[in-house]
Protein backbone atom coordinates (compact mmCIF):
# COMPACT_ATOMS: atom_id res chain seq x y z
CA MET A 1 94.04 277.80 182.12
CA ALA A 2 97.24 275.67 182.42
CA PHE A 3 100.33 278.10 181.22
CA LEU A 4 102.55 276.32 178.78
CA VAL A 5 105.99 277.19 177.59
CA THR A 6 104.91 277.26 174.19
CA ASP A 7 102.19 280.03 174.66
CA VAL A 8 104.93 282.70 174.49
CA ILE A 9 108.16 281.07 173.13
CA THR A 10 108.76 280.12 169.90
CA ARG A 11 111.79 277.14 170.09
CA ASP A 12 113.39 278.12 166.96
CA SER A 13 113.64 282.05 167.58
CA ASP A 14 116.73 283.72 167.93
CA LEU A 15 116.54 284.07 171.76
CA TRP A 16 115.36 280.35 172.24
CA ARG A 17 118.65 279.80 170.08
CA ASP A 18 120.90 281.66 171.91
CA MET A 19 119.63 280.50 175.25
CA LEU A 20 120.12 276.79 173.86
CA ALA A 21 123.56 277.54 172.48
CA MET A 22 124.27 279.03 176.58
CA PRO A 23 126.36 276.37 178.79
CA LYS A 24 123.74 275.63 181.41
CA VAL A 25 123.63 274.53 185.31
CA GLU A 26 120.71 272.48 186.64
CA LEU A 27 120.34 271.88 190.54
CA HIS A 28 116.67 271.11 190.76
CA ARG A 29 115.24 268.67 188.51
CA HIS A 30 113.41 265.30 190.00
CA LEU A 31 114.01 262.05 187.98
CA GLU A 32 110.34 261.00 188.62
CA GLY A 33 109.14 264.10 186.58
CA SER A 34 111.82 263.36 183.74
CA ILE A 35 110.38 260.45 181.67
CA ARG A 36 110.14 260.70 178.01
CA LEU A 37 106.66 260.61 176.34
CA GLU A 38 107.62 258.09 173.98
CA THR A 39 109.45 256.25 176.67
CA LEU A 40 106.54 255.99 179.04
CA CYS A 41 104.46 254.04 175.71
CA ASP A 42 107.39 251.62 175.12
CA VAL A 43 107.78 250.59 178.61
CA GLY A 44 103.96 250.27 179.10
CA LYS A 45 103.63 248.22 176.28
CA ALA A 46 106.78 246.00 176.54
CA TYR A 47 106.24 245.44 180.55
CA ASN A 48 102.21 245.42 180.57
CA ILE A 49 101.67 248.58 182.20
CA GLU A 50 97.92 249.81 181.86
CA LEU A 51 97.62 252.71 180.38
CA PRO A 52 95.13 255.34 178.97
CA SER A 53 96.66 255.00 175.64
CA TYR A 54 100.00 253.92 173.93
CA ASP A 55 100.26 256.68 171.72
CA PRO A 56 102.16 259.54 172.92
CA GLU A 57 99.57 262.15 171.82
CA GLU A 58 96.67 260.58 173.63
CA LEU A 59 98.62 259.93 176.63
CA ARG A 60 99.57 263.28 176.52
CA PRO A 61 96.92 264.71 178.94
CA HIS A 62 97.12 262.44 181.25
CA VAL A 63 100.82 262.68 182.23
CA GLN A 64 101.61 266.23 181.36
CA MET A 65 99.88 270.03 181.61
CA VAL A 66 98.16 270.72 178.52
CA GLU A 67 95.84 273.40 177.47
CA GLY A 68 92.46 273.47 179.50
CA ASP A 69 94.18 272.18 182.66
CA ASP A 70 93.47 274.48 185.56
CA SER A 71 96.79 275.21 187.18
CA ASN A 72 96.68 274.43 191.03
CA LEU A 73 98.52 271.64 192.91
CA ILE A 74 95.74 269.13 192.55
CA VAL A 75 95.84 269.11 188.86
CA PHE A 76 100.02 269.14 188.87
CA LEU A 77 99.99 266.25 191.32
CA GLU A 78 97.67 263.95 189.30
CA LYS A 79 100.14 263.76 186.48
CA PHE A 80 102.26 262.10 188.96
CA GLY A 81 99.60 259.22 188.92
CA ILE A 82 100.72 257.47 186.12
CA LEU A 83 104.99 258.11 186.19
CA ARG A 84 104.38 256.26 189.74
CA ARG A 85 103.73 253.08 188.37
CA PHE A 86 106.83 252.86 186.02
CA PHE A 87 109.28 251.99 188.45
CA ALA A 88 108.59 248.53 188.36
CA ASP A 89 112.21 247.12 187.29
CA PRO A 90 115.73 247.76 187.75
CA GLU A 91 115.81 248.42 183.65
CA ILE A 92 112.98 250.53 183.48
CA ILE A 93 114.77 252.89 185.97
CA ARG A 94 118.07 252.54 184.66
CA ARG A 95 116.31 253.59 181.06
CA ILE A 96 114.48 256.37 182.60
CA VAL A 97 118.03 257.88 184.59
CA ARG A 98 119.95 257.43 181.06
CA GLU A 99 117.48 259.47 179.11
CA ALA A 100 117.21 262.05 182.01
CA VAL A 101 120.96 262.63 181.16
CA GLU A 102 121.03 262.48 177.72
CA ASP A 103 118.27 264.86 177.45
CA ALA A 104 120.30 267.28 179.78
CA ALA A 105 123.46 267.05 177.65
CA ALA A 106 121.18 267.90 174.38
CA ASP A 107 119.90 271.04 176.55
CA ASN A 108 123.50 271.89 176.99
CA ILE A 109 123.44 271.59 180.39
CA ARG A 110 127.45 271.05 181.49
CA TYR A 111 126.63 270.18 185.12
CA MET A 112 123.19 268.79 186.85
CA GLU A 113 122.22 267.75 190.19
CA LEU A 114 119.42 265.09 189.76
CA ARG A 115 117.29 264.36 192.56
CA PHE A 116 115.25 261.31 193.16
CA THR A 117 113.20 259.97 195.93
CA PRO A 118 114.82 256.37 196.37
CA ASN A 119 111.31 255.37 198.90
CA ALA A 120 108.89 256.17 195.59
CA LEU A 121 111.43 254.40 193.42
CA ALA A 122 112.05 251.34 195.56
CA LYS A 123 108.02 250.79 196.90
CA ILE A 124 106.47 249.69 194.12
CA LYS A 125 108.39 245.99 193.88
CA GLY A 126 109.55 246.38 197.38
CA TYR A 127 112.79 246.73 196.22
CA PRO A 128 115.80 247.48 198.85
CA MET A 129 116.54 251.28 198.93
CA THR A 130 120.50 250.32 198.53
CA GLU A 131 120.08 248.60 195.58
CA VAL A 132 117.84 251.57 193.92
CA ILE A 133 120.29 253.73 194.76
CA GLU A 134 122.81 251.62 193.22
CA TRP A 135 121.39 251.29 190.07
CA VAL A 136 120.50 255.40 189.82
CA SER A 137 124.11 256.15 190.61
CA ALA A 138 125.58 253.59 188.38
CA THR A 139 124.08 254.55 185.26
CA ALA A 140 123.77 258.48 186.05
CA ALA A 141 127.67 257.96 186.12
CA GLU A 142 127.97 256.03 182.95
CA ALA A 143 125.57 258.09 180.98
CA ALA A 144 127.25 261.06 182.57
CA HIS A 145 130.64 260.01 181.04
CA LYS A 146 128.86 258.80 177.51
CA ASN A 147 127.48 262.23 176.97
CA ARG A 148 130.15 264.44 178.55
CA ILE A 149 128.11 266.24 181.32
CA LYS A 150 128.83 266.02 184.72
CA VAL A 151 126.25 264.56 186.88
CA ASN A 152 125.86 264.44 190.70
CA LEU A 153 122.81 263.19 192.50
CA ILE A 154 120.52 264.67 195.37
CA VAL A 155 118.62 262.35 197.60
CA SER A 156 115.14 263.42 198.03
CA MET A 157 112.63 262.43 200.69
CA ASN A 158 109.16 263.37 201.76
CA ARG A 159 108.51 265.53 204.55
CA HIS A 160 104.78 263.64 204.90
CA GLU A 161 106.13 260.44 204.77
CA GLY A 162 107.85 260.83 208.57
CA SER A 163 111.01 260.57 209.78
CA ASN A 164 111.57 257.03 210.07
CA VAL A 165 111.64 256.45 206.30
CA ALA A 166 113.82 259.35 206.39
CA GLU A 167 116.51 257.60 208.26
CA THR A 168 115.84 255.10 206.17
CA THR A 169 116.72 256.63 203.40
CA LEU A 170 119.60 258.65 204.63
CA GLN A 171 121.31 255.55 205.84
CA ALA A 172 120.94 253.64 202.42
CA ALA A 173 122.51 256.68 200.62
CA LEU A 174 125.42 256.43 203.39
CA ASP A 175 125.61 252.80 202.75
CA SER A 176 125.84 252.95 199.34
CA GLU A 177 129.16 251.92 197.47
CA TYR A 178 128.24 254.18 194.92
CA SER A 179 127.59 257.08 197.33
CA GLY A 180 130.58 259.32 195.90
CA ASN A 181 128.41 260.97 193.24
CA ILE A 182 125.47 261.42 195.76
CA VAL A 183 126.37 265.02 197.21
CA GLY A 184 123.13 266.26 198.56
CA LEU A 185 119.82 265.60 200.69
CA ASP A 186 116.61 267.06 199.77
CA LEU A 187 113.16 267.64 201.86
CA ALA A 188 110.41 267.43 199.46
CA GLY A 189 106.79 266.40 199.76
CA LYS A 190 103.74 268.24 201.10
CA GLU A 191 104.64 271.77 203.04
CA PRO A 192 101.15 272.37 204.97
CA GLY A 193 101.19 270.51 208.01
CA PHE A 194 104.63 268.78 207.88
CA PRO A 195 107.28 271.28 209.33
CA SER A 196 110.53 270.67 208.37
CA ARG A 197 111.98 271.11 212.12
CA PRO A 198 111.35 266.90 213.32
CA PHE A 199 114.02 266.37 210.45
CA SER A 200 116.67 268.78 211.85
CA PRO A 201 118.93 265.81 213.74
CA LEU A 202 118.92 264.09 210.49
CA PHE A 203 120.11 266.87 208.20
CA ARG A 204 122.67 267.69 210.83
CA GLU A 205 124.02 264.40 210.57
CA ALA A 206 123.76 264.43 206.61
CA LYS A 207 126.07 267.35 206.50
CA LYS A 208 128.29 266.20 208.87
CA GLN A 209 128.96 263.38 206.55
CA GLY A 210 129.55 265.67 204.04
CA LEU A 211 126.39 266.04 201.72
CA GLY A 212 125.26 269.66 200.79
CA ILE A 213 121.28 270.38 202.17
CA THR A 214 118.62 271.74 200.11
CA ILE A 215 115.03 272.08 201.28
CA HIS A 216 111.88 272.75 199.55
CA ALA A 217 110.12 275.27 201.09
CA GLY A 218 108.44 278.90 200.90
CA GLU A 219 106.35 277.32 198.28
CA TRP A 220 102.82 276.56 199.39
CA VAL A 221 103.78 277.96 202.90
CA GLY A 222 104.95 281.13 203.54
CA PRO A 223 108.03 282.64 204.29
CA GLU A 224 108.23 281.09 208.12
CA ASN A 225 109.30 277.76 206.18
CA ILE A 226 111.95 278.80 204.70
CA ARG A 227 113.70 280.34 208.02
CA GLU A 228 112.97 277.24 209.89
CA ALA A 229 114.94 275.38 206.88
CA ILE A 230 117.63 277.93 207.24
CA GLU A 231 118.01 277.93 210.72
CA ALA A 232 116.71 274.31 211.91
CA LEU A 233 117.71 272.32 208.95
CA ARG A 234 121.15 274.68 207.78
CA ALA A 235 119.93 274.77 204.38
CA ASP A 236 122.67 275.61 202.01
CA ARG A 237 119.73 276.20 199.25
CA ILE A 238 115.90 276.52 199.06
CA GLY A 239 113.92 274.70 196.35
CA HIS A 240 111.40 277.46 195.04
CA GLY A 241 111.34 279.70 197.89
CA VAL A 242 109.25 282.12 195.83
CA ARG A 243 107.34 283.51 199.17
CA ILE A 244 110.54 284.80 200.46
CA VAL A 245 109.53 288.09 199.11
CA GLU A 246 106.87 288.18 201.63
CA ASP A 247 109.12 288.81 204.55
CA SER A 248 112.16 291.43 204.84
CA MET A 249 114.00 289.76 207.77
CA THR A 250 113.81 286.23 206.11
CA ALA A 251 115.35 287.85 203.29
CA LYS A 252 118.17 289.35 204.96
CA ILE A 253 118.89 286.45 206.75
CA ALA A 254 119.08 284.61 203.60
CA ARG A 255 121.28 287.08 202.16
CA GLU A 256 123.66 286.77 205.09
CA ARG A 257 123.94 283.27 205.25
CA ASN A 258 124.80 283.15 201.57
CA VAL A 259 121.75 280.96 200.89
CA TYR A 260 120.81 280.15 197.27
CA PHE A 261 117.39 279.90 195.84
CA GLU A 262 116.72 276.67 193.26
CA ILE A 263 113.65 279.02 191.33
CA CYS A 264 111.61 277.00 188.32
CA PRO A 265 109.14 279.64 186.67
CA THR A 266 107.22 277.36 184.42
CA SER A 267 106.36 274.45 187.73
CA ASN A 268 105.48 277.89 189.90
CA VAL A 269 102.85 279.08 187.55
CA GLN A 270 101.47 275.82 186.37
CA THR A 271 101.07 274.68 190.23
CA GLY A 272 99.39 277.71 190.87
CA VAL A 273 101.80 279.29 193.56
CA VAL A 274 102.30 282.29 191.03
CA GLY A 275 99.04 283.39 189.05
CA LEU A 276 100.65 284.97 186.11
CA LEU A 277 104.39 284.00 185.17
CA HIS A 278 105.05 288.24 184.74
CA HIS A 279 104.18 288.33 188.16
CA HIS A 280 106.12 286.02 189.24
CA PRO A 281 108.73 287.01 192.07
CA LEU A 282 112.01 285.79 190.34
CA ILE A 283 112.82 289.57 189.41
CA ASP A 284 111.90 290.93 192.82
CA MET A 285 114.43 288.32 194.31
CA ARG A 286 117.03 289.40 191.82
CA PHE A 287 116.17 293.08 193.25
CA LEU A 288 116.63 291.76 196.63
CA ASP A 289 120.13 290.73 196.00
CA LEU A 290 119.07 287.17 196.51
CA PRO A 291 121.17 284.23 194.82
CA ILE A 292 119.02 282.89 192.40
CA THR A 293 119.23 279.87 190.18
CA ILE A 294 116.72 278.52 187.15
CA ASN A 295 115.56 275.43 186.83
CA THR A 296 113.01 272.76 185.21
CA ASP A 297 111.46 271.02 188.29
CA ASP A 298 109.63 268.49 186.20
CA PRO A 299 110.54 268.77 182.37
CA THR A 300 107.97 266.05 181.58
CA ILE A 301 104.93 267.21 183.52
CA CYS A 302 105.73 270.69 182.49
CA GLN A 303 106.62 270.59 179.16
CA CYS A 304 109.89 272.40 179.58
CA THR A 305 113.53 272.33 179.15
CA LEU A 306 116.19 275.11 180.77
CA THR A 307 116.73 276.40 177.60
CA ASP A 308 112.56 277.44 177.63
CA GLU A 309 113.28 278.57 181.29
CA TYR A 310 115.97 281.26 180.39
CA ALA A 311 113.77 282.48 177.31
CA LEU A 312 110.98 282.82 179.58
CA ALA A 313 112.90 284.85 182.07
CA MET A 314 114.10 287.31 179.25
CA SER A 315 111.13 287.43 177.07
CA VAL A 316 108.28 287.69 179.92
CA LEU A 317 110.20 288.96 182.92
CA GLY A 318 112.31 291.56 180.78
CA MET A 319 115.44 289.79 182.38
CA SER A 320 118.86 290.47 180.51
CA ARG A 321 121.44 287.95 178.58
CA TYR A 322 123.49 289.33 181.56
CA ASP A 323 121.17 288.23 184.07
CA MET A 324 121.06 284.47 182.77
CA GLN A 325 124.39 284.33 183.04
CA LEU A 326 124.68 285.25 186.40
CA ALA A 327 121.97 282.59 187.25
CA THR A 328 124.26 280.14 185.47
CA VAL A 329 127.26 281.12 187.64
CA ASN A 330 125.22 281.33 190.09
CA ALA A 331 124.47 277.64 190.06
CA ALA A 332 127.59 276.65 189.63
CA LYS A 333 128.95 278.50 192.86
CA ALA A 334 125.60 276.74 194.89
CA ALA A 335 126.76 273.47 193.08
CA PHE A 336 127.43 270.80 195.67
CA LEU A 337 131.10 270.27 194.29
CA PRO A 338 134.45 270.34 196.27
CA ASP A 339 135.96 273.85 196.03
CA ASP A 340 138.75 273.22 193.38
CA GLU A 341 136.20 271.43 191.19
CA LYS A 342 133.47 274.34 191.88
CA GLN A 343 135.94 276.79 190.74
CA THR A 344 136.99 274.76 187.76
CA LEU A 345 133.42 274.54 186.53
CA ILE A 346 133.01 278.40 187.02
CA ASN A 347 136.06 279.11 185.22
CA SER A 348 135.03 277.09 181.88
CA LEU A 349 131.73 278.55 182.16
CA LYS A 350 132.59 282.08 182.18
CA ARG A 351 135.49 281.01 179.37
CA GLU A 352 132.32 279.86 176.92
CA MET A 353 130.21 282.77 178.17
CA GLY A 354 132.77 284.99 176.98
CA THR A 355 132.49 286.85 180.76
CA SER A 356 135.87 286.13 182.21
CA LYS A 357 136.36 289.81 182.52
CA TYR A 358 132.72 290.78 183.83
CA ARG A 359 133.59 291.60 187.85
CA GLY A 360 129.84 291.04 188.32
CA LEU A 361 130.13 287.59 188.04
CA GLY A 362 132.52 287.01 190.91
CA ALA A 363 135.17 284.68 191.54
């Protein structure tokens, strides 16, 4: 049965309210998995997009993990079937971006790196990728300014779509007049059968152009994929990476190279990567002294917020408030920001959390 946040978290509890009040940083959130349920219904009606229902509650089981769903990747990915139909108009894309930023700000997120897949947004109507990137970038900047949150973007590509699409995506990002708020490149998609090594020249070029590198790895394939991402693609961060606990040498390499991990607890359970939440490797990774950050992945599908993820880590995994503060500062340290902006963010977070004197939180 699918795990739901509301199975273990009460959203008016003291713990949840405390985590809501904490300033947070999100590094791993997909735009394509961040669409409000009400927006799906509104847009579906307005643009004549055929849906199973235009009532939010009746549509919910078709786009979100719900009670009765099996926790596995097939069921999880099926939820994207309807979501992918919605990127059919520039105004729809702009609305989805704007609301994703608003939702992050409402969750007390101070800095977010929102990742999106230009090819997925462009291919429904055959839009040029450069135009799609500009719609997302300009809207994110406007919404961030209005909502007093800092938002940068990560351009994502799928390994199973091949190197040609990947090359086109990177070039479109570099060519965009809004490339200033594009700070990273991500390799996502199907891990089994699609190694990351063939993409290494592309990611080396991206790093040469000043982009940070984050790679989905160690989710559906073992720690060998994490090692390949670090050594061949020179990853700064690993998306998920929970299977690193299976290999101490890879963990050692990750520590030595200061690679950060973007952990998404609810998603990991709902996709079946982790069988039970209280068995999640997050706590083991913390004990291994691997720098972890906590994230939502796809908040629409997962029915979660970053506040929920923090509260889950404390209530189910037994992590402390200090651990959550450390995860927040880790996320700021791992952010794809210039050093001066990064330090400003870290200092601001520590002051607000009242942790300026905590030596364990580092610089």
